Protein backbone atom coordinates (compact mmCIF):
# COMPACT_ATOMS: atom_id res chain seq x y z
CA MET A 1 14.15 7.20 27.23
CA THR A 2 15.15 6.23 23.84
CA ALA A 3 14.89 2.94 21.71
CA LYS A 4 17.74 0.31 21.99
CA VAL A 5 17.89 -1.16 18.47
CA GLU A 6 19.47 -4.63 17.62
CA ILE A 7 19.90 -6.46 14.90
CA ALA A 8 17.78 -9.82 16.00
CA THR A 9 18.41 -13.39 15.72
CA PHE A 10 15.76 -14.44 13.40
CA PRO A 11 13.25 -16.84 15.41
CA GLY A 12 11.27 -18.25 12.96
CA TRP A 13 8.05 -17.27 11.47
CA ALA A 14 5.72 -18.63 13.89
CA ALA A 15 7.45 -16.72 16.63
CA LEU A 16 7.91 -13.57 14.54
CA GLU A 17 4.15 -13.79 13.80
CA GLN A 18 2.95 -13.33 17.69
CA GLU A 19 5.80 -10.78 18.17
CA TRP A 20 4.14 -8.84 15.05
CA THR A 21 0.73 -9.08 16.15
CA ALA A 22 1.36 -8.13 19.46
CA LEU A 23 3.26 -4.96 18.38
CA GLU A 24 0.67 -4.22 15.76
CA ALA A 25 -1.93 -4.00 18.43
CA GLU A 26 0.16 -1.49 20.04
CA ALA A 27 1.00 0.78 16.92
CA ALA A 28 -0.88 4.24 16.15
CA SER A 29 -3.05 3.39 12.86
CA PRO A 30 -0.60 0.89 11.03
CA SER A 31 -1.08 0.58 7.19
CA VAL A 32 -2.48 -2.68 5.99
CA PHE A 33 0.87 -3.04 4.24
CA GLN A 34 2.63 -3.13 7.49
CA SER A 35 0.22 -5.90 9.29
CA TRP A 36 1.21 -9.40 9.41
CA SER A 37 -1.47 -9.86 6.90
CA TRP A 38 0.83 -8.49 4.42
CA ILE A 39 4.13 -9.20 5.85
CA GLY A 40 3.43 -12.96 6.97
CA CYS A 41 1.53 -13.64 3.28
CA LEU A 42 3.81 -16.59 1.54
CA ALA A 43 6.62 -14.75 3.74
CA GLU A 44 9.28 -17.95 3.54
CA GLU A 45 9.04 -17.65 -0.12
CA ARG A 46 9.33 -13.59 -0.02
CA PHE A 47 11.74 -13.26 2.69
CA PRO A 48 14.72 -16.20 1.79
CA ASP A 49 17.37 -13.94 4.07
CA PRO A 50 15.60 -12.15 6.55
CA ILE A 51 16.75 -9.61 8.60
CA LEU A 52 14.90 -8.44 11.83
CA LEU A 53 15.63 -5.20 13.57
CA ARG A 54 14.01 -4.63 17.19
CA ALA A 55 13.54 -1.88 19.25
CA VAL A 56 13.40 -2.14 22.96
CA ALA A 57 12.62 0.61 25.44
CA GLY A 58 11.77 -0.33 29.18
CA GLY A 59 12.10 -3.83 28.60
CA CYS A 60 9.21 -3.80 25.93
CA VAL A 61 9.67 -4.42 21.96
CA VAL A 62 8.71 -0.87 20.52
CA GLY A 63 9.46 -1.46 16.94
CA LEU A 64 9.99 -3.90 14.41
CA ALA A 65 11.33 -3.98 10.93
CA LEU A 66 11.81 -6.49 8.85
CA PHE A 67 14.43 -6.47 5.64
CA ASN A 68 15.29 -9.29 2.91
CA ARG A 69 19.15 -9.33 2.55
CA ARG A 70 19.94 -9.94 -1.16
CA GLY A 71 23.61 -10.08 -2.13
CA ARG A 72 24.48 -6.61 -0.37
CA GLY A 73 21.23 -4.90 -0.15
CA LEU A 74 18.65 -4.89 2.62
CA HIS A 75 15.10 -4.53 1.11
CA LEU A 76 12.32 -3.08 3.59
CA ALA A 77 9.48 -5.36 4.03
CA GLU A 78 10.24 -6.86 0.23
CA SER A 79 12.33 -9.72 -1.51
CA GLY A 80 14.76 -7.49 -3.65
CA ASP A 81 13.64 -10.07 -5.97
CA ALA A 82 11.05 -8.25 -8.77
CA ALA A 83 9.16 -11.20 -9.42
CA LEU A 84 8.48 -11.65 -5.68
CA ASP A 85 7.68 -7.79 -5.03
CA ALA A 86 5.32 -7.59 -7.90
CA PRO A 87 2.37 -7.42 -5.08
CA PHE A 88 3.08 -3.69 -4.97
CA VAL A 89 3.87 -2.29 -1.41
CA GLU A 90 2.73 0.92 -0.15
CA HIS A 91 2.69 3.05 2.90
CA ASN A 92 6.05 0.93 3.95
CA ALA A 93 7.61 1.65 7.25
CA PRO A 94 8.84 -0.25 10.32
CA LEU A 95 5.80 -1.32 13.10
CA VAL A 96 6.47 1.01 15.43
CA ALA A 97 4.22 0.90 19.15
CA ARG A 98 1.97 4.39 19.41
CA HIS A 99 4.08 4.49 22.97
CA ALA A 100 7.11 4.40 21.59
CA PRO A 101 10.15 6.61 22.20
CA PRO A 102 10.26 9.69 19.62
CA GLY A 103 12.89 8.59 16.77
CA THR A 104 12.27 5.14 17.54
CA GLU A 105 11.27 4.36 13.52
CA ALA A 106 14.23 6.28 12.60
CA ALA A 107 16.74 4.53 14.52
CA LEU A 108 15.49 1.10 13.21
CA LEU A 109 16.40 2.31 9.69
CA ARG A 110 19.78 3.52 10.67
CA ALA A 111 20.26 0.31 12.40
CA ALA A 112 20.08 -1.43 8.98
CA TRP A 113 23.67 0.22 7.88
CA ARG A 114 25.20 -1.98 11.02
CA VAL A 115 24.08 -5.14 9.21
CA PRO A 116 27.39 -6.84 8.40
CA GLY A 117 28.16 -6.35 4.56
CA ILE A 118 25.71 -4.17 3.73
CA GLY A 119 26.75 -1.44 1.16
CA ARG A 120 22.62 -0.82 -0.08
CA VAL A 121 19.24 0.08 1.88
CA VAL A 122 15.88 0.03 -0.40
CA ALA A 123 12.57 1.13 0.61
CA SER A 124 9.86 0.91 -1.96
CA GLY A 125 6.80 2.97 -1.37
CA SER A 126 7.30 4.83 1.46
CA PRO A 127 6.73 8.18 3.29
CA PRO A 128 8.81 10.99 2.71
CA SER A 129 10.17 10.50 6.56
CA VAL A 130 11.42 6.92 5.84
CA ALA A 131 13.53 7.82 2.89
CA ALA A 132 14.62 11.19 5.13
CA ALA A 133 15.47 8.56 8.23
CA ILE A 134 17.47 6.10 6.17
CA GLY A 135 20.48 8.29 5.25
CA GLY A 136 23.34 7.69 3.36
CA ARG A 137 23.29 8.72 -0.09
CA MET A 138 20.09 8.08 -2.50
CA THR A 139 21.10 6.74 -5.81
CA ARG A 140 17.71 6.57 -6.85
CA GLN A 141 14.68 8.59 -5.88
CA GLN A 142 11.10 8.38 -7.30
CA GLU A 143 8.03 10.31 -5.94
CA ARG A 144 4.55 9.19 -6.72
CA ILE A 145 1.72 11.36 -5.45
CA ALA A 146 -1.12 9.03 -3.55
CA PRO A 147 -4.72 10.91 -4.18
CA TYR A 148 -7.13 10.25 -0.93
CA VAL A 149 -10.54 11.18 0.42
CA ASP A 150 -10.43 12.93 3.77
CA LEU A 151 -13.63 11.55 5.05
CA ALA A 152 -13.13 12.60 8.74
CA ALA A 153 -12.96 16.19 7.32
CA ILE A 154 -16.18 15.91 5.28
CA ARG A 155 -17.88 13.73 8.46
CA ASN A 156 -17.20 16.96 10.87
CA ALA A 157 -18.30 19.24 7.99
CA GLU A 158 -21.62 17.35 7.65
CA GLY A 159 -20.97 17.53 3.98
CA ASN A 160 -21.96 16.10 1.14
CA TYR A 161 -18.78 14.15 -0.73
CA LEU A 162 -20.19 14.41 -4.11
CA ALA A 163 -21.33 18.09 -3.26
CA GLY A 164 -17.29 19.06 -3.15
CA ARG A 165 -16.18 17.31 -6.02
CA SER A 166 -15.71 19.31 -9.32
CA ALA A 167 -18.91 20.15 -11.61
CA ASN A 168 -17.40 17.86 -14.07
CA THR A 169 -16.81 14.99 -11.81
CA ARG A 170 -20.61 15.49 -10.23
CA GLN A 171 -21.88 15.15 -13.98
CA GLN A 172 -20.13 12.07 -14.95
CA VAL A 173 -20.89 10.37 -11.61
CA ARG A 174 -24.70 11.33 -11.64
CA ARG A 175 -24.78 10.45 -15.65
CA SER A 176 -23.48 6.96 -15.04
CA LEU A 177 -25.60 6.12 -11.93
CA ARG A 178 -28.38 7.21 -13.93
CA HIS A 179 -27.79 4.90 -17.05
CA TYR A 180 -26.98 2.06 -14.37
CA GLY A 181 -30.15 2.25 -12.55
CA ASP A 182 -30.56 1.02 -9.52
CA ALA A 183 -26.83 0.29 -9.08
CA THR A 184 -26.10 -1.45 -5.44
CA LEU A 185 -22.69 -2.26 -3.84
CA ALA A 186 -21.87 -5.40 -1.54
CA ARG A 187 -19.04 -6.73 0.12
CA ALA A 188 -17.92 -10.56 0.09
CA GLY A 189 -18.72 -11.60 3.77
CA THR A 190 -17.20 -15.43 3.55
CA GLU A 191 -14.03 -16.98 1.96
CA THR A 192 -15.89 -18.73 -0.90
CA GLN A 193 -17.53 -15.75 -1.98
CA ALA A 194 -14.58 -13.60 -1.85
CA GLN A 195 -12.83 -16.09 -3.67
CA ALA A 196 -15.36 -16.27 -6.43
CA TRP A 197 -15.06 -12.35 -6.38
CA LEU A 198 -11.01 -11.89 -6.87
CA ASP A 199 -11.34 -14.29 -9.60
CA ALA A 200 -14.34 -12.63 -11.30
CA LEU A 201 -12.44 -9.38 -10.70
CA ILE A 202 -8.89 -10.96 -12.06
CA ALA A 203 -10.98 -11.64 -15.26
CA LEU A 204 -12.21 -8.02 -15.87
CA HIS A 205 -8.79 -6.63 -14.72
CA GLU A 206 -6.65 -8.88 -17.50
CA ALA A 207 -9.42 -7.73 -20.18
CA THR A 208 -8.78 -4.65 -19.66
CA TRP A 209 -4.92 -4.86 -19.63
CA ARG A 210 -4.97 -7.51 -22.52
CA ARG A 211 -6.74 -4.56 -24.54
CA ARG A 212 -3.95 -1.92 -23.86
CA GLY A 213 -1.06 -4.78 -24.70
CA ARG A 214 -0.22 -5.08 -21.26
CA ALA A 215 0.30 -7.49 -18.52
CA GLY A 216 -1.98 -6.49 -15.10
CA ALA A 217 -1.28 -7.12 -11.73
CA PHE A 218 -1.93 -10.82 -11.45
CA ALA A 219 -0.47 -12.21 -14.59
CA SER A 220 2.04 -14.90 -12.81
CA PRO A 221 1.16 -17.98 -10.89
CA PHE A 222 2.91 -16.23 -7.79
CA LEU A 223 0.83 -13.17 -8.16
CA ARG A 224 -2.15 -15.56 -8.08
CA ARG A 225 -1.19 -17.55 -5.17
CA PHE A 226 -0.20 -14.33 -3.24
CA HIS A 227 -3.53 -12.76 -3.76
CA GLN A 228 -5.64 -15.74 -2.75
CA ALA A 229 -3.69 -16.40 0.17
CA LEU A 230 -3.82 -12.65 1.24
CA VAL A 231 -7.84 -12.37 0.54
CA ALA A 232 -8.24 -15.04 2.87
CA ARG A 233 -5.65 -13.65 5.34
CA THR A 234 -7.40 -10.11 5.30
CA LEU A 235 -10.78 -11.64 5.34
CA ALA A 236 -9.77 -13.82 8.42
CA ARG A 237 -8.79 -10.13 10.44
CA GLY A 238 -11.64 -7.82 9.26
CA GLN A 239 -9.19 -6.30 6.93
CA LEU A 240 -11.02 -7.33 3.55
CA ASP A 241 -13.08 -4.96 1.20
CA LEU A 242 -13.52 -6.81 -1.54
CA LEU A 243 -16.76 -4.89 -2.83
CA CYS A 244 -18.86 -5.98 -6.15
CA VAL A 245 -21.28 -3.43 -7.71
CA THR A 246 -24.01 -4.66 -9.47
CA ALA A 247 -26.83 -2.92 -11.58
CA ALA A 248 -29.82 -4.78 -13.58
CA GLY A 249 -28.30 -8.01 -12.45
CA ARG A 250 -24.95 -7.67 -14.01
CA ALA A 251 -21.56 -7.01 -12.42
CA VAL A 252 -20.42 -3.25 -12.91
CA GLY A 253 -17.13 -3.95 -11.09
CA TYR A 254 -15.22 -5.32 -8.48
CA LEU A 255 -12.81 -3.31 -6.10
CA TYR A 256 -9.92 -5.09 -4.14
CA ASN A 257 -9.70 -2.94 -1.55
CA PHE A 258 -8.45 -3.24 2.57
CA ARG A 259 -9.27 -1.48 5.94
CA ALA A 260 -6.31 -0.89 8.67
CA GLY A 261 -6.14 1.91 10.81
CA GLY A 262 -9.28 3.60 9.54
CA ARG A 263 -8.36 3.97 6.61
CA VAL A 264 -9.69 2.15 3.29
CA PHE A 265 -6.93 0.86 1.16
CA ALA A 266 -7.98 1.01 -2.88
CA TYR A 267 -5.54 -1.53 -3.95
CA GLN A 268 -7.00 -3.31 -7.26
CA SER A 269 -9.95 -3.40 -9.14
CA GLY A 270 -11.71 -5.34 -12.02
CA LEU A 271 -14.51 -3.27 -14.27
CA GLU A 272 -16.65 -4.20 -17.16
CA HIS A 273 -15.87 -1.35 -19.94
CA ARG A 274 -18.46 -1.13 -22.15
CA PRO A 275 -16.90 1.12 -25.22
CA ASP A 276 -20.35 1.57 -27.22
CA GLU A 277 -21.39 2.83 -23.77
CA PRO A 278 -19.10 5.81 -23.11
CA GLN A 279 -21.95 7.77 -20.89
CA LEU A 280 -21.04 4.34 -18.52
CA LYS A 281 -17.95 5.17 -15.94
CA PRO A 282 -17.86 2.00 -13.97
CA GLY A 283 -14.50 3.07 -11.99
CA LEU A 284 -15.87 6.51 -10.85
CA THR A 285 -19.39 4.56 -10.16
CA CYS A 286 -17.90 1.81 -8.00
CA HIS A 287 -15.31 3.74 -6.20
CA THR A 288 -17.98 6.75 -5.51
CA LEU A 289 -20.22 4.15 -4.04
CA ALA A 290 -17.36 2.60 -1.79
CA ILE A 291 -16.36 5.94 -0.89
CA GLN A 292 -19.74 6.60 0.35
CA ALA A 293 -19.89 3.68 2.29
CA ALA A 294 -16.74 4.33 3.98
CA LEU A 295 -17.79 7.47 5.22
CA ALA A 296 -21.22 6.41 6.29
CA SER A 297 -19.03 3.40 8.42
CA GLY A 298 -16.98 5.84 10.25
CA MET A 299 -13.78 5.54 8.21
CA ASP A 300 -11.36 8.38 8.37
CA VAL A 301 -9.65 8.20 4.86
CA TYR A 302 -10.22 6.36 1.45
CA ASP A 303 -6.80 5.94 0.50
CA PHE A 304 -6.46 5.73 -3.34
CA LEU A 305 -2.48 4.40 -2.93
CA GLY A 306 0.22 5.86 -5.89
CA GLY A 307 -0.53 6.79 -8.85
CA ALA A 308 -1.76 10.13 -10.78
CA ASP A 309 -4.84 8.87 -12.45
CA ARG A 310 -7.23 10.98 -13.93
CA TYR A 311 -10.22 9.31 -12.09
CA LYS A 312 -8.29 9.38 -8.92
CA LEU A 313 -7.62 12.80 -8.79
CA SER A 314 -10.88 13.49 -10.09
CA LEU A 315 -12.37 11.74 -6.81
CA ALA A 316 -9.72 12.58 -4.19
CA THR A 317 -9.97 15.38 -1.67
CA GLY A 318 -5.89 15.66 -1.19
CA THR A 319 -2.87 13.94 -1.85
CA ALA A 320 0.30 12.67 -0.12
CA CYS A 321 3.81 11.56 -1.28
CA LEU A 322 5.04 7.92 -1.93
CA CYS A 323 8.90 7.81 -2.37
CA TRP A 324 10.78 4.27 -3.95
CA THR A 325 14.41 5.22 -2.97
CA GLU A 326 17.86 3.56 -3.19
CA HIS A 327 20.54 4.50 -0.11
CA VAL A 328 24.40 3.70 -0.39
CA PRO A 329 26.88 4.84 2.33
CA ALA A 330 28.00 8.67 1.85
CA ALA A 331 31.48 7.77 2.03
CA SER A 332 31.07 4.96 -0.77
CA LEU A 333 32.47 5.03 -4.02
CA PRO A 334 28.68 4.62 -5.37
CA GLY A 335 28.09 7.55 -2.37
CA LEU A 336 30.52 9.81 -4.00
CA VAL A 337 29.50 9.13 -7.42
CA ALA A 338 26.04 9.96 -6.90
CA MET A 339 27.07 13.25 -5.02
CA GLY A 340 29.33 14.44 -7.65
CA ARG A 341 26.00 13.49 -9.91
CA ASN A 342 23.77 15.67 -8.13
CA TRP A 343 26.14 18.62 -7.92
CA ALA A 344 26.31 18.71 -11.82
CA ARG A 345 22.99 18.34 -11.78
CA SER A 346 22.71 21.60 -9.69
CA LEU A 347 25.19 23.18 -11.79
CA LEU A 348 22.74 22.71 -14.98
CA ARG A 349 19.93 24.18 -12.89
CA ARG A 350 21.22 27.41 -12.61
């Protein structure tokens, strides 16, 4: 059996929510970025010209891919507008049922080229398999490593998480915990508490980025509204891990994490940095406590998402790859130009 992919008539957001959440329940370990919590958050603003591709097999929906059309481009799970896409999407891919016929994801992605008037397909924060399946010619490709902690492997080996880190990392974490004293981790349990902790996280996050002379991840009114709505949505669905670490009655930091498909996604943080006390490592401390809590609660992976930050690599047990790519038809003028550029680069490498 193979899946048949159709360019669907957009059914409206309420109907799509029902269809998406039903398929989400049938999917194999979807990321939070594939969930309706993320996809449906402020969707009418983020997807002004939505294009829905639907895969059907045996009379059942087995795959969905939501794009937004912007000019001649199709953007997977994004708008194509930099301001609206500022909430960073990762582990981005079509939503596919666990019982879907092999090749369903690839068929959904290839079908994007059948949308009338399309000359470009863009996928951000996707696994390499997504970039490979879209086809055409890549005119832009960026790869970022995504460090993670394999909690299932640690649990199966009956190992101690910190014991497997480098001597330097163990020393820094233990010294930091010792100086903080009795550091404790708590998880937001109500929306009122979660929104208050989000505000506190944003304040610490922005203070850190101001010291670096840059804007942070919550710099615009849209980003504030998006994350306030996302916190409410993910909390209601049991996907929010908004954590607060305190010591001696003072906040060490906040972690804005999500849970989905057996994974914890470490999305953002707000940390209290004390330059006059360099032995304190709020990031290492907060993530170590969160990792140990995720390990104890039976989660399989603690995912730091994209970026080769030093603290991520120090705490991780492995890395994956995420891709940001743009594709054009291979036989188009931009495709031929890209082919020539790639050919010239290959000659220079010889």
